[in-house]
Amino acid sequence: MSTSENLYEQIGGRERIAAIVDEFYDRVLDDETVVHFFDDMDMAAQRAHMTQFLSSVADGPVEYTGGEMRDVHEPLDLEREHFAAVATHLEGALRAFDVPDEKVEAVMAEVAALEDDVLCR
């Protein structure tokens, strides 16, 4: 692996990130504490959106075009335990694809930085 590769390339690019996102949502949708937030959601669109988001967070050749985190999540009335559950599922999905620890930590640091906006604090 070239040290000049960005995090997106180190993780494996779009196809691998899309597979990680599929694993992530499989975990989320099996979790009774958060599944209800996705009841009326178009999951194909949500998976595509999350693939775009994760690719952007990993410095991929993708510009995140979703709404502001605070605006998108405000109607959901999320609590800290919801954020933690979803973050745990993302970390688990990354690890299921053998993403190296330092890469998992880099992605999770980016996600953790969004907590206040997602929880509208």
PDB file of N, CA and C in Angstrom:
ATOM      1  N   MET A   1       0.843  -1.184   0.000  1.00  0.00           N
ATOM      2  CA  MET A   1       0.000   0.000   0.000  1.00  0.00           C
ATOM      3  C   MET A   1       0.878   1.234   0.000  1.00  0.00           C
ATOM      4  N   SER A   2       0.621   2.122  -0.905  1.00  0.00           N
ATOM      5  CA  SER A   2       1.394   3.346  -1.022  1.00  0.00           C
ATOM      6  C   SER A   2       1.035   4.306   0.101  1.00  0.00           C
ATOM      7  N   THR A   3       2.070   4.953   0.658  1.00  0.00           N
ATOM      8  CA  THR A   3       1.806   5.921   1.715  1.00  0.00           C
ATOM      9  C   THR A   3       1.164   7.178   1.160  1.00  0.00           C
ATOM     10  N   SER A   4       1.176   7.350  -0.179  1.00  0.00           N
ATOM     11  CA  SER A   4       0.541   8.518  -0.775  1.00  0.00           C
ATOM     12  C   SER A   4      -0.961   8.325  -0.965  1.00  0.00           C
ATOM     13  N   GLU A   5      -1.456   7.108  -0.751  1.00  0.00           N
ATOM     14  CA  GLU A   5      -2.891   6.871  -0.864  1.00  0.00           C
ATOM     15  C   GLU A   5      -3.621   7.580   0.268  1.00  0.00           C
ATOM     16  N   ASN A   6      -4.775   8.139  -0.056  1.00  0.00           N
ATOM     17  CA  ASN A   6      -5.569   8.741   1.005  1.00  0.00           C
ATOM     18  C   ASN A   6      -6.367   7.642   1.719  1.00  0.00           C
ATOM     19  N   LEU A   7      -7.087   8.014   2.751  1.00  0.00           N
ATOM     20  CA  LEU A   7      -7.827   7.047   3.555  1.00  0.00           C
ATOM     21  C   LEU A   7      -8.842   6.284   2.710  1.00  0.00           C
ATOM     22  N   TYR A   8      -9.506   6.968   1.812  1.00  0.00           N
ATOM     23  CA  TYR A   8     -10.479   6.341   0.906  1.00  0.00           C
ATOM     24  C   TYR A   8      -9.833   5.186   0.137  1.00  0.00           C
ATOM     25  N   GLU A   9      -8.685   5.442  -0.444  1.00  0.00           N
ATOM     26  CA  GLU A   9      -7.969   4.416  -1.208  1.00  0.00           C
ATOM     27  C   GLU A   9      -7.449   3.312  -0.292  1.00  0.00           C
ATOM     28  N   GLN A  10      -6.992   3.680   0.893  1.00  0.00           N
ATOM     29  CA  GLN A  10      -6.476   2.688   1.833  1.00  0.00           C
ATOM     30  C   GLN A  10      -7.571   1.731   2.308  1.00  0.00           C
ATOM     31  N   ILE A  11      -8.781   2.253   2.450  1.00  0.00           N
ATOM     32  CA  ILE A  11      -9.902   1.400   2.861  1.00  0.00           C
ATOM     33  C   ILE A  11     -10.310   0.463   1.728  1.00  0.00           C
ATOM     34  N   GLY A  12     -10.148   0.912   0.486  1.00  0.00           N
ATOM     35  CA  GLY A  12     -10.470   0.047  -0.640  1.00  0.00           C
ATOM     36  C   GLY A  12     -11.341   0.670  -1.710  1.00  0.00           C
ATOM     37  N   GLY A  13     -11.621   1.948  -1.599  1.00  0.00           N
ATOM     38  CA  GLY A  13     -12.381   2.640  -2.622  1.00  0.00           C
ATOM     39  C   GLY A  13     -13.883   2.428  -2.525  1.00  0.00           C
ATOM     40  N   ARG A  14     -14.582   2.895  -3.556  1.00  0.00           N
ATOM     41  CA  ARG A  14     -16.042   2.951  -3.530  1.00  0.00           C
ATOM     42  C   ARG A  14     -16.711   1.603  -3.333  1.00  0.00           C
ATOM     43  N   GLU A  15     -16.291   0.590  -4.064  1.00  0.00           N
ATOM     44  CA  GLU A  15     -16.952  -0.715  -3.944  1.00  0.00           C
ATOM     45  C   GLU A  15     -16.821  -1.288  -2.536  1.00  0.00           C
ATOM     46  N   ARG A  16     -15.653  -1.170  -1.970  1.00  0.00           N
ATOM     47  CA  ARG A  16     -15.444  -1.698  -0.616  1.00  0.00           C
ATOM     48  C   ARG A  16     -16.221  -0.876   0.402  1.00  0.00           C
ATOM     49  N   ILE A  17     -16.236   0.437   0.231  1.00  0.00           N
ATOM     50  CA  ILE A  17     -17.005   1.284   1.148  1.00  0.00           C
ATOM     51  C   ILE A  17     -18.493   0.969   1.028  1.00  0.00           C
ATOM     52  N   ALA A  18     -18.986   0.742  -0.177  1.00  0.00           N
ATOM     53  CA  ALA A  18     -20.395   0.373  -0.352  1.00  0.00           C
ATOM     54  C   ALA A  18     -20.700  -0.947   0.356  1.00  0.00           C
ATOM     55  N   ALA A  19     -19.794  -1.898   0.307  1.00  0.00           N
ATOM     56  CA  ALA A  19     -19.986  -3.176   1.006  1.00  0.00           C
ATOM     57  C   ALA A  19     -19.971  -2.976   2.515  1.00  0.00           C
ATOM     58  N   ILE A  20     -19.100  -2.107   2.987  1.00  0.00           N
ATOM     59  CA  ILE A  20     -19.053  -1.789   4.425  1.00  0.00           C
ATOM     60  C   ILE A  20     -20.365  -1.142   4.848  1.00  0.00           C
ATOM     61  N   VAL A  21     -20.879  -0.250   4.032  1.00  0.00           N
ATOM     62  CA  VAL A  21     -22.153   0.415   4.326  1.00  0.00           C
ATOM     63  C   VAL A  21     -23.287  -0.602   4.369  1.00  0.00           C
ATOM     64  N   ASP A  22     -23.292  -1.558   3.460  1.00  0.00           N
ATOM     65  CA  ASP A  22     -24.320  -2.609   3.495  1.00  0.00           C
ATOM     66  C   ASP A  22     -24.245  -3.382   4.808  1.00  0.00           C
ATOM     67  N   GLU A  23     -23.053  -3.749   5.215  1.00  0.00           N
ATOM     68  CA  GLU A  23     -22.867  -4.451   6.493  1.00  0.00           C
ATOM     69  C   GLU A  23     -23.333  -3.582   7.656  1.00  0.00           C
ATOM     70  N   PHE A  24     -22.986  -2.317   7.610  1.00  0.00           N
ATOM     71  CA  PHE A  24     -23.383  -1.364   8.640  1.00  0.00           C
ATOM     72  C   PHE A  24     -24.902  -1.315   8.789  1.00  0.00           C
ATOM     73  N   TYR A  25     -25.611  -1.147   7.669  1.00  0.00           N
ATOM     74  CA  TYR A  25     -27.069  -1.057   7.759  1.00  0.00           C
ATOM     75  C   TYR A  25     -27.709  -2.389   8.122  1.00  0.00           C
ATOM     76  N   ASP A  26     -27.107  -3.491   7.743  1.00  0.00           N
ATOM     77  CA  ASP A  26     -27.615  -4.784   8.207  1.00  0.00           C
ATOM     78  C   ASP A  26     -27.576  -4.828   9.736  1.00  0.00           C
ATOM     79  N   ARG A  27     -26.512  -4.333  10.316  1.00  0.00           N
ATOM     80  CA  ARG A  27     -26.372  -4.300  11.777  1.00  0.00           C
ATOM     81  C   ARG A  27     -27.366  -3.322  12.411  1.00  0.00           C
ATOM     82  N   VAL A  28     -27.482  -2.134  11.821  1.00  0.00           N
ATOM     83  CA  VAL A  28     -28.395  -1.114  12.349  1.00  0.00           C
ATOM     84  C   VAL A  28     -29.838  -1.618  12.318  1.00  0.00           C
ATOM     85  N   LEU A  29     -30.227  -2.241  11.219  1.00  0.00           N
ATOM     86  CA  LEU A  29     -31.613  -2.688  11.068  1.00  0.00           C
ATOM     87  C   LEU A  29     -31.935  -3.911  11.925  1.00  0.00           C
ATOM     88  N   ASP A  30     -30.917  -4.539  12.483  1.00  0.00           N
ATOM     89  CA  ASP A  30     -31.114  -5.636  13.437  1.00  0.00           C
ATOM     90  C   ASP A  30     -31.114  -5.155  14.890  1.00  0.00           C
ATOM     91  N   ASP A  31     -30.922  -3.865  15.094  1.00  0.00           N
ATOM     92  CA  ASP A  31     -30.811  -3.297  16.435  1.00  0.00           C
ATOM     93  C   ASP A  31     -32.128  -2.632  16.836  1.00  0.00           C
ATOM     94  N   GLU A  32     -32.827  -3.238  17.784  1.00  0.00           N
ATOM     95  CA  GLU A  32     -34.134  -2.732  18.220  1.00  0.00           C
ATOM     96  C   GLU A  32     -34.071  -1.316  18.785  1.00  0.00           C
ATOM     97  N   THR A  33     -32.908  -0.886  19.247  1.00  0.00           N
ATOM     98  CA  THR A  33     -32.823   0.446  19.848  1.00  0.00           C
ATOM     99  C   THR A  33     -32.802   1.572  18.816  1.00  0.00           C
ATOM    100  N   VAL A  34     -32.468   1.251  17.552  1.00  0.00           N
ATOM    101  CA  VAL A  34     -32.382   2.305  16.543  1.00  0.00           C
ATOM    102  C   VAL A  34     -33.156   2.017  15.260  1.00  0.00           C
ATOM    103  N   VAL A  35     -33.614   0.800  15.065  1.00  0.00           N
ATOM    104  CA  VAL A  35     -34.270   0.433  13.803  1.00  0.00           C
ATOM    105  C   VAL A  35     -35.489   1.302  13.503  1.00  0.00           C
ATOM    106  N   HIS A  36     -36.204   1.735  14.527  1.00  0.00           N
ATOM    107  CA  HIS A  36     -37.420   2.524  14.299  1.00  0.00           C
ATOM    108  C   HIS A  36     -37.150   3.867  13.613  1.00  0.00           C
ATOM    109  N   PHE A  37     -35.934   4.364  13.691  1.00  0.00           N
ATOM    110  CA  PHE A  37     -35.601   5.611  13.010  1.00  0.00           C
ATOM    111  C   PHE A  37     -35.602   5.432  11.487  1.00  0.00           C
ATOM    112  N   PHE A  38     -35.590   4.192  11.022  1.00  0.00           N
ATOM    113  CA  PHE A  38     -35.497   3.898   9.596  1.00  0.00           C
ATOM    114  C   PHE A  38     -36.784   3.297   9.018  1.00  0.00           C
ATOM    115  N   ASP A  39     -37.856   3.307   9.812  1.00  0.00           N
ATOM    116  CA  ASP A  39     -39.108   2.655   9.422  1.00  0.00           C
ATOM    117  C   ASP A  39     -39.629   3.066   8.046  1.00  0.00           C
ATOM    118  N   ASP A  40     -39.691   4.326   7.765  1.00  0.00           N
ATOM    119  CA  ASP A  40     -40.288   4.796   6.514  1.00  0.00           C
ATOM    120  C   ASP A  40     -39.231   5.316   5.534  1.00  0.00           C
ATOM    121  N   MET A  41     -38.038   4.832   5.689  1.00  0.00           N
ATOM    122  CA  MET A  41     -36.936   5.325   4.873  1.00  0.00           C
ATOM    123  C   MET A  41     -36.687   4.435   3.659  1.00  0.00           C
ATOM    124  N   ASP A  42     -36.368   5.052   2.545  1.00  0.00           N
ATOM    125  CA  ASP A  42     -35.937   4.341   1.349  1.00  0.00           C
ATOM    126  C   ASP A  42     -34.498   3.891   1.620  1.00  0.00           C
ATOM    127  N   MET A  43     -34.338   2.617   1.967  1.00  0.00           N
ATOM    128  CA  MET A  43     -33.026   2.144   2.401  1.00  0.00           C
ATOM    129  C   MET A  43     -32.019   2.079   1.261  1.00  0.00           C
ATOM    130  N   ALA A  44     -32.454   1.875   0.038  1.00  0.00           N
ATOM    131  CA  ALA A  44     -31.500   1.907  -1.080  1.00  0.00           C
ATOM    132  C   ALA A  44     -30.902   3.312  -1.206  1.00  0.00           C
ATOM    133  N   ALA A  45     -31.749   4.315  -1.096  1.00  0.00           N
ATOM    134  CA  ALA A  45     -31.277   5.697  -1.150  1.00  0.00           C
ATOM    135  C   ALA A  45     -30.414   6.020   0.064  1.00  0.00           C
ATOM    136  N   GLN A  46     -30.809   5.516   1.230  1.00  0.00           N
ATOM    137  CA  GLN A  46     -30.038   5.776   2.453  1.00  0.00           C
ATOM    138  C   GLN A  46     -28.654   5.133   2.371  1.00  0.00           C
ATOM    139  N   ARG A  47     -28.591   3.920   1.850  1.00  0.00           N
ATOM    140  CA  ARG A  47     -27.293   3.242   1.691  1.00  0.00           C
ATOM    141  C   ARG A  47     -26.400   4.015   0.727  1.00  0.00           C
ATOM    142  N   ALA A  48     -26.981   4.507  -0.368  1.00  0.00           N
ATOM    143  CA  ALA A  48     -26.207   5.299  -1.337  1.00  0.00           C
ATOM    144  C   ALA A  48     -25.720   6.593  -0.694  1.00  0.00           C
ATOM    145  N   HIS A  49     -26.591   7.215   0.087  1.00  0.00           N
ATOM    146  CA  HIS A  49     -26.244   8.455   0.781  1.00  0.00           C
ATOM    147  C   HIS A  49     -25.106   8.215   1.776  1.00  0.00           C
ATOM    148  N   MET A  50     -25.187   7.139   2.541  1.00  0.00           N
ATOM    149  CA  MET A  50     -24.150   6.835   3.521  1.00  0.00           C
ATOM    150  C   MET A  50     -22.834   6.476   2.836  1.00  0.00           C
ATOM    151  N   THR A  51     -22.914   5.814   1.698  1.00  0.00           N
ATOM    152  CA  THR A  51     -21.694   5.506   0.936  1.00  0.00           C
ATOM    153  C   THR A  51     -21.027   6.809   0.508  1.00  0.00           C
ATOM    154  N   GLN A  52     -21.821   7.767   0.061  1.00  0.00           N
ATOM    155  CA  GLN A  52     -21.291   9.076  -0.318  1.00  0.00           C
ATOM    156  C   GLN A  52     -20.673   9.768   0.898  1.00  0.00           C
ATOM    157  N   PHE A  53     -21.372   9.731   2.016  1.00  0.00           N
ATOM    158  CA  PHE A  53     -20.885  10.381   3.229  1.00  0.00           C
ATOM    159  C   PHE A  53     -19.570   9.757   3.694  1.00  0.00           C
ATOM    160  N   LEU A  54     -19.543   8.432   3.802  1.00  0.00           N
ATOM    161  CA  LEU A  54     -18.345   7.755   4.282  1.00  0.00           C
ATOM    162  C   LEU A  54     -17.177   7.959   3.318  1.00  0.00           C
ATOM    163  N   SER A  55     -17.453   7.953   2.029  1.00  0.00           N
ATOM    164  CA  SER A  55     -16.410   8.213   1.036  1.00  0.00           C
ATOM    165  C   SER A  55     -15.851   9.622   1.203  1.00  0.00           C
ATOM    166  N   SER A  56     -16.723  10.570   1.467  1.00  0.00           N
ATOM    167  CA  SER A  56     -16.304  11.950   1.673  1.00  0.00           C
ATOM    168  C   SER A  56     -15.468  12.088   2.945  1.00  0.00           C
ATOM    169  N   VAL A  57     -15.911  11.465   4.022  1.00  0.00           N
ATOM    170  CA  VAL A  57     -15.181  11.499   5.291  1.00  0.00           C
ATOM    171  C   VAL A  57     -13.777  10.915   5.122  1.00  0.00           C
ATOM    172  N   ALA A  58     -13.656   9.926   4.241  1.00  0.00           N
ATOM    173  CA  ALA A  58     -12.374   9.258   4.010  1.00  0.00           C
ATOM    174  C   ALA A  58     -11.548   9.952   2.922  1.00  0.00           C
ATOM    175  N   ASP A  59     -11.905  11.176   2.585  1.00  0.00           N
ATOM    176  CA  ASP A  59     -11.182  11.964   1.583  1.00  0.00           C
ATOM    177  C   ASP A  59     -11.203  11.349   0.196  1.00  0.00           C
ATOM    178  N   GLY A  60     -12.320  10.694  -0.139  1.00  0.00           N
ATOM    179  CA  GLY A  60     -12.465  10.134  -1.475  1.00  0.00           C
ATOM    180  C   GLY A  60     -12.827  11.203  -2.485  1.00  0.00           C
ATOM    181  N   PRO A  61     -12.873  10.822  -3.754  1.00  0.00           N
ATOM    182  CA  PRO A  61     -13.194  11.784  -4.817  1.00  0.00           C
ATOM    183  C   PRO A  61     -14.699  12.026  -4.896  1.00  0.00           C
ATOM    184  N   VAL A  62     -15.275  12.306  -3.753  1.00  0.00           N
ATOM    185  CA  VAL A  62     -16.723  12.453  -3.624  1.00  0.00           C
ATOM    186  C   VAL A  62     -16.995  13.690  -2.786  1.00  0.00           C
ATOM    187  N   GLU A  63     -17.916  14.500  -3.236  1.00  0.00           N
ATOM    188  CA  GLU A  63     -18.337  15.636  -2.432  1.00  0.00           C
ATOM    189  C   GLU A  63     -19.658  15.283  -1.771  1.00  0.00           C
ATOM    190  N   TYR A  64     -19.710  15.403  -0.468  1.00  0.00           N
ATOM    191  CA  TYR A  64     -20.930  15.108   0.268  1.00  0.00           C
ATOM    192  C   TYR A  64     -21.961  16.173  -0.045  1.00  0.00           C
ATOM    193  N   THR A  65     -23.119  15.738  -0.547  1.00  0.00           N
ATOM    194  CA  THR A  65     -24.154  16.687  -0.952  1.00  0.00           C
ATOM    195  C   THR A  65     -25.396  16.602  -0.064  1.00  0.00           C
ATOM    196  N   GLY A  66     -25.298  15.884   1.037  1.00  0.00           N
ATOM    197  CA  GLY A  66     -26.433  15.771   1.945  1.00  0.00           C
ATOM    198  C   GLY A  66     -26.649  17.067   2.710  1.00  0.00           C
ATOM    199  N   GLY A  67     -27.733  17.088   3.432  1.00  0.00           N
ATOM    200  CA  GLY A  67     -28.054  18.267   4.221  1.00  0.00           C
ATOM    201  C   GLY A  67     -27.120  18.430   5.406  1.00  0.00           C
ATOM    202  N   GLU A  68     -27.266  19.560   6.073  1.00  0.00           N
ATOM    203  CA  GLU A  68     -26.487  19.805   7.284  1.00  0.00           C
ATOM    204  C   GLU A  68     -26.882  18.779   8.344  1.00  0.00           C
ATOM    205  N   MET A  69     -25.911  18.254   9.044  1.00  0.00           N
ATOM    206  CA  MET A  69     -26.156  17.199  10.032  1.00  0.00           C
ATOM    207  C   MET A  69     -27.230  17.593  11.036  1.00  0.00           C
ATOM    208  N   ARG A  70     -27.140  18.781  11.547  1.00  0.00           N
ATOM    209  CA  ARG A  70     -28.102  19.247  12.551  1.00  0.00           C
ATOM    210  C   ARG A  70     -29.516  19.284  11.969  1.00  0.00           C
ATOM    211  N   ASP A  71     -29.661  19.827  10.783  1.00  0.00           N
ATOM    212  CA  ASP A  71     -30.980  19.958  10.158  1.00  0.00           C
ATOM    213  C   ASP A  71     -31.596  18.600   9.841  1.00  0.00           C
ATOM    214  N   VAL A  72     -30.780  17.688   9.333  1.00  0.00           N
ATOM    215  CA  VAL A  72     -31.266  16.366   8.928  1.00  0.00           C
ATOM    216  C   VAL A  72     -31.692  15.533  10.137  1.00  0.00           C
ATOM    217  N   HIS A  73     -30.960  15.652  11.228  1.00  0.00           N
ATOM    218  CA  HIS A  73     -31.208  14.787  12.380  1.00  0.00           C
ATOM    219  C   HIS A  73     -32.133  15.397  13.438  1.00  0.00           C
ATOM    220  N   GLU A  74     -32.368  16.698  13.378  1.00  0.00           N
ATOM    221  CA  GLU A  74     -33.197  17.360  14.395  1.00  0.00           C
ATOM    222  C   GLU A  74     -34.572  16.724  14.579  1.00  0.00           C
ATOM    223  N   PRO A  75     -35.292  16.386  13.520  1.00  0.00           N
ATOM    224  CA  PRO A  75     -36.631  15.814  13.715  1.00  0.00           C
ATOM    225  C   PRO A  75     -36.628  14.436  14.392  1.00  0.00           C
ATOM    226  N   LEU A  76     -35.468  13.789  14.452  1.00  0.00           N
ATOM    227  CA  LEU A  76     -35.402  12.426  14.995  1.00  0.00           C
ATOM    228  C   LEU A  76     -35.343  12.384  16.514  1.00  0.00           C
ATOM    229  N   ASP A  77     -34.979  13.496  17.144  1.00  0.00           N
ATOM    230  CA  ASP A  77     -34.884  13.548  18.609  1.00  0.00           C
ATOM    231  C   ASP A  77     -33.955  12.439  19.134  1.00  0.00           C
ATOM    232  N   LEU A  78     -32.773  12.380  18.570  1.00  0.00           N
ATOM    233  CA  LEU A  78     -31.794  11.350  18.944  1.00  0.00           C
ATOM    234  C   LEU A  78     -31.168  11.646  20.301  1.00  0.00           C
ATOM    235  N   GLU A  79     -30.848  10.597  20.986  1.00  0.00           N
ATOM    236  CA  GLU A  79     -30.163  10.679  22.282  1.00  0.00           C
ATOM    237  C   GLU A  79     -28.752  10.121  22.129  1.00  0.00           C
ATOM    238  N   ARG A  80     -27.936  10.349  23.112  1.00  0.00           N
ATOM    239  CA  ARG A  80     -26.540   9.880  23.111  1.00  0.00           C
ATOM    240  C   ARG A  80     -26.450   8.380  22.854  1.00  0.00           C
ATOM    241  N   GLU A  81     -27.344   7.592  23.457  1.00  0.00           N
ATOM    242  CA  GLU A  81     -27.285   6.129  23.279  1.00  0.00           C
ATOM    243  C   GLU A  81     -27.582   5.710  21.838  1.00  0.00           C
ATOM    244  N   HIS A  82     -28.395   6.494  21.126  1.00  0.00           N
ATOM    245  CA  HIS A  82     -28.664   6.194  19.716  1.00  0.00           C
ATOM    246  C   HIS A  82     -27.413   6.442  18.873  1.00  0.00           C
ATOM    247  N   PHE A  83     -26.776   7.577  19.124  1.00  0.00           N
ATOM    248  CA  PHE A  83     -25.539   7.894  18.406  1.00  0.00           C
ATOM    249  C   PHE A  83     -24.486   6.830  18.682  1.00  0.00           C
ATOM    250  N   ALA A  84     -24.349   6.445  19.944  1.00  0.00           N
ATOM    251  CA  ALA A  84     -23.350   5.435  20.326  1.00  0.00           C
ATOM    252  C   ALA A  84     -23.631   4.094  19.659  1.00  0.00           C
ATOM    253  N   ALA A  85     -24.897   3.703  19.594  1.00  0.00           N
ATOM    254  CA  ALA A  85     -25.255   2.426  18.959  1.00  0.00           C
ATOM    255  C   ALA A  85     -24.892   2.440  17.482  1.00  0.00           C
ATOM    256  N   VAL A  86     -25.234   3.518  16.793  1.00  0.00           N
ATOM    257  CA  VAL A  86     -24.944   3.610  15.365  1.00  0.00           C
ATOM    258  C   VAL A  86     -23.431   3.650  15.138  1.00  0.00           C
ATOM    259  N   ALA A  87     -22.716   4.391  15.959  1.00  0.00           N
ATOM    260  CA  ALA A  87     -21.258   4.444  15.836  1.00  0.00           C
ATOM    261  C   ALA A  87     -20.642   3.070  16.069  1.00  0.00           C
ATOM    262  N   THR A  88     -21.160   2.341  17.040  1.00  0.00           N
ATOM    263  CA  THR A  88     -20.667   0.985  17.315  1.00  0.00           C
ATOM    264  C   THR A  88     -20.891   0.079  16.113  1.00  0.00           C
ATOM    265  N   HIS A  89     -22.030   0.215  15.463  1.00  0.00           N
ATOM    266  CA  HIS A  89     -22.311  -0.603  14.277  1.00  0.00           C
ATOM    267  C   HIS A  89     -21.383  -0.235  13.111  1.00  0.00           C
ATOM    268  N   LEU A  90     -21.074   1.040  12.970  1.00  0.00           N
ATOM    269  CA  LEU A  90     -20.140   1.449  11.922  1.00  0.00           C
ATOM    270  C   LEU A  90     -18.756   0.879  12.199  1.00  0.00           C
ATOM    271  N   GLU A  91     -18.314   1.000  13.425  1.00  0.00           N
ATOM    272  CA  GLU A  91     -17.003   0.439  13.776  1.00  0.00           C
ATOM    273  C   GLU A  91     -16.974  -1.069  13.543  1.00  0.00           C
ATOM    274  N   GLY A  92     -18.033  -1.750  13.930  1.00  0.00           N
ATOM    275  CA  GLY A  92     -18.110  -3.194  13.719  1.00  0.00           C
ATOM    276  C   GLY A  92     -18.066  -3.567  12.244  1.00  0.00           C
ATOM    277  N   ALA A  93     -18.749  -2.784  11.414  1.00  0.00           N
ATOM    278  CA  ALA A  93     -18.747  -3.057   9.977  1.00  0.00           C
ATOM    279  C   ALA A  93     -17.356  -2.840   9.384  1.00  0.00           C
ATOM    280  N   LEU A  94     -16.682  -1.781   9.802  1.00  0.00           N
ATOM    281  CA  LEU A  94     -15.317  -1.540   9.330  1.00  0.00           C
ATOM    282  C   LEU A  94     -14.402  -2.701   9.721  1.00  0.00           C
ATOM    283  N   ARG A  95     -14.530  -3.148  10.950  1.00  0.00           N
ATOM    284  CA  ARG A  95     -13.683  -4.244  11.433  1.00  0.00           C
ATOM    285  C   ARG A  95     -14.033  -5.571  10.749  1.00  0.00           C
ATOM    286  N   ALA A  96     -15.297  -5.764  10.411  1.00  0.00           N
ATOM    287  CA  ALA A  96     -15.716  -6.988   9.707  1.00  0.00           C
ATOM    288  C   ALA A  96     -15.050  -7.092   8.341  1.00  0.00           C
ATOM    289  N   PHE A  97     -14.664  -5.953   7.789  1.00  0.00           N
ATOM    290  CA  PHE A  97     -13.976  -5.930   6.498  1.00  0.00           C
ATOM    291  C   PHE A  97     -12.462  -5.791   6.669  1.00  0.00           C
ATOM    292  N   ASP A  98     -11.998  -6.067   7.870  1.00  0.00           N
ATOM    293  CA  ASP A  98     -10.560  -6.062   8.173  1.00  0.00           C
ATOM    294  C   ASP A  98      -9.878  -4.740   7.850  1.00  0.00           C
ATOM    295  N   VAL A  99     -10.604  -3.647   8.026  1.00  0.00           N
ATOM    296  CA  VAL A  99      -9.971  -2.340   7.902  1.00  0.00           C
ATOM    297  C   VAL A  99      -9.000  -2.219   9.070  1.00  0.00           C
ATOM    298  N   PRO A 100      -7.756  -1.844   8.805  1.00  0.00           N
ATOM    299  CA  PRO A 100      -6.758  -1.754   9.872  1.00  0.00           C
ATOM    300  C   PRO A 100      -7.180  -0.792  10.988  1.00  0.00           C
ATOM    301  N   ASP A 101      -6.752  -1.107  12.191  1.00  0.00           N
ATOM    302  CA  ASP A 101      -7.138  -0.328  13.373  1.00  0.00           C
ATOM    303  C   ASP A 101      -6.958   1.170  13.198  1.00  0.00           C
ATOM    304  N   GLU A 102      -5.815   1.585  12.671  1.00  0.00           N
ATOM    305  CA  GLU A 102      -5.564   3.030  12.552  1.00  0.00           C
ATOM    306  C   GLU A 102      -6.526   3.688  11.567  1.00  0.00           C
ATOM    307  N   LYS A 103      -6.987   2.940  10.572  1.00  0.00           N
ATOM    308  CA  LYS A 103      -7.962   3.475   9.612  1.00  0.00           C
ATOM    309  C   LYS A 103      -9.348   3.546  10.249  1.00  0.00           C
ATOM    310  N   VAL A 104      -9.699   2.518  11.025  1.00  0.00           N
ATOM    311  CA  VAL A 104     -10.967   2.528  11.767  1.00  0.00           C
ATOM    312  C   VAL A 104     -10.984   3.731  12.701  1.00  0.00           C
ATOM    313  N   GLU A 105      -9.888   3.928  13.423  1.00  0.00           N
ATOM    314  CA  GLU A 105      -9.811   5.043  14.363  1.00  0.00           C
ATOM    315  C   GLU A 105      -9.931   6.383  13.656  1.00  0.00           C
ATOM    316  N   ALA A 106      -9.357   6.505  12.457  1.00  0.00           N
ATOM    317  CA  ALA A 106      -9.454   7.755  11.701  1.00  0.00           C
ATOM    318  C   ALA A 106     -10.895   8.031  11.290  1.00  0.00           C
ATOM    319  N   VAL A 107     -11.594   7.016  10.791  1.00  0.00           N
ATOM    320  CA  VAL A 107     -12.994   7.188  10.404  1.00  0.00           C
ATOM    321  C   VAL A 107     -13.836   7.515  11.628  1.00  0.00           C
ATOM    322  N   MET A 108     -13.629   6.790  12.702  1.00  0.00           N
ATOM    323  CA  MET A 108     -14.439   6.995  13.900  1.00  0.00           C
ATOM    324  C   MET A 108     -14.186   8.365  14.527  1.00  0.00           C
ATOM    325  N   ALA A 109     -12.979   8.880  14.400  1.00  0.00           N
ATOM    326  CA  ALA A 109     -12.691  10.233  14.896  1.00  0.00           C
ATOM    327  C   ALA A 109     -13.497  11.267  14.109  1.00  0.00           C
ATOM    328  N   GLU A 110     -13.600  11.064  12.798  1.00  0.00           N
ATOM    329  CA  GLU A 110     -14.403  11.967  11.966  1.00  0.00           C
ATOM    330  C   GLU A 110     -15.877  11.893  12.366  1.00  0.00           C
ATOM    331  N   VAL A 111     -16.366  10.695  12.619  1.00  0.00           N
ATOM    332  CA  VAL A 111     -17.758  10.506  13.026  1.00  0.00           C
ATOM    333  C   VAL A 111     -17.991  11.129  14.404  1.00  0.00           C
ATOM    334  N   ALA A 112     -17.079  10.900  15.330  1.00  0.00           N
ATOM    335  CA  ALA A 112     -17.219  11.445  16.684  1.00  0.00           C
ATOM    336  C   ALA A 112     -17.292  12.973  16.656  1.00  0.00           C
ATOM    337  N   ALA A 113     -16.586  13.591  15.729  1.00  0.00           N
ATOM    338  CA  ALA A 113     -16.597  15.047  15.623  1.00  0.00           C
ATOM    339  C   ALA A 113     -17.971  15.588  15.227  1.00  0.00           C
ATOM    340  N   LEU A 114     -18.831  14.729  14.718  1.00  0.00           N
ATOM    341  CA  LEU A 114     -20.178  15.139  14.295  1.00  0.00           C
ATOM    342  C   LEU A 114     -21.240  14.946  15.382  1.00  0.00           C
ATOM    343  N   GLU A 115     -20.857  14.359  16.498  1.00  0.00           N
ATOM    344  CA  GLU A 115     -21.844  14.000  17.522  1.00  0.00           C
ATOM    345  C   GLU A 115     -22.714  15.174  17.952  1.00  0.00           C
ATOM    346  N   ASP A 116     -22.124  16.310  18.273  1.00  0.00           N
ATOM    347  CA  ASP A 116     -22.926  17.445  18.739  1.00  0.00           C
ATOM    348  C   ASP A 116     -23.941  17.895  17.689  1.00  0.00           C
ATOM    349  N   ASP A 117     -23.541  17.904  16.419  1.00  0.00           N
ATOM    350  CA  ASP A 117     -24.471  18.307  15.363  1.00  0.00           C
ATOM    351  C   ASP A 117     -25.583  17.273  15.173  1.00  0.00           C
ATOM    352  N   VAL A 118     -25.233  15.995  15.200  1.00  0.00           N
ATOM    353  CA  VAL A 118     -26.238  14.943  15.031  1.00  0.00           C
ATOM    354  C   VAL A 118     -27.229  14.969  16.189  1.00  0.00           C
ATOM    355  N   LEU A 119     -26.734  15.248  17.388  1.00  0.00           N
ATOM    356  CA  LEU A 119     -27.606  15.275  18.563  1.00  0.00           C
ATOM    357  C   LEU A 119     -28.196  16.670  18.808  1.00  0.00           C
ATOM    358  N   CYS A 120     -27.907  17.606  17.908  1.00  0.00           N
ATOM    359  CA  CYS A 120     -28.449  18.964  17.964  1.00  0.00           C
ATOM    360  C   CYS A 120     -28.141  19.649  19.291  1.00  0.00           C
ATOM    361  N   ARG A 121     -26.897  19.542  19.699  1.00  0.00           N
ATOM    362  CA  ARG A 121     -26.472  20.201  20.945  1.00  0.00           C
ATOM    363  C   ARG A 121     -25.773  21.497  20.655  1.00  0.00           C
TER     364      ARG A 121
END
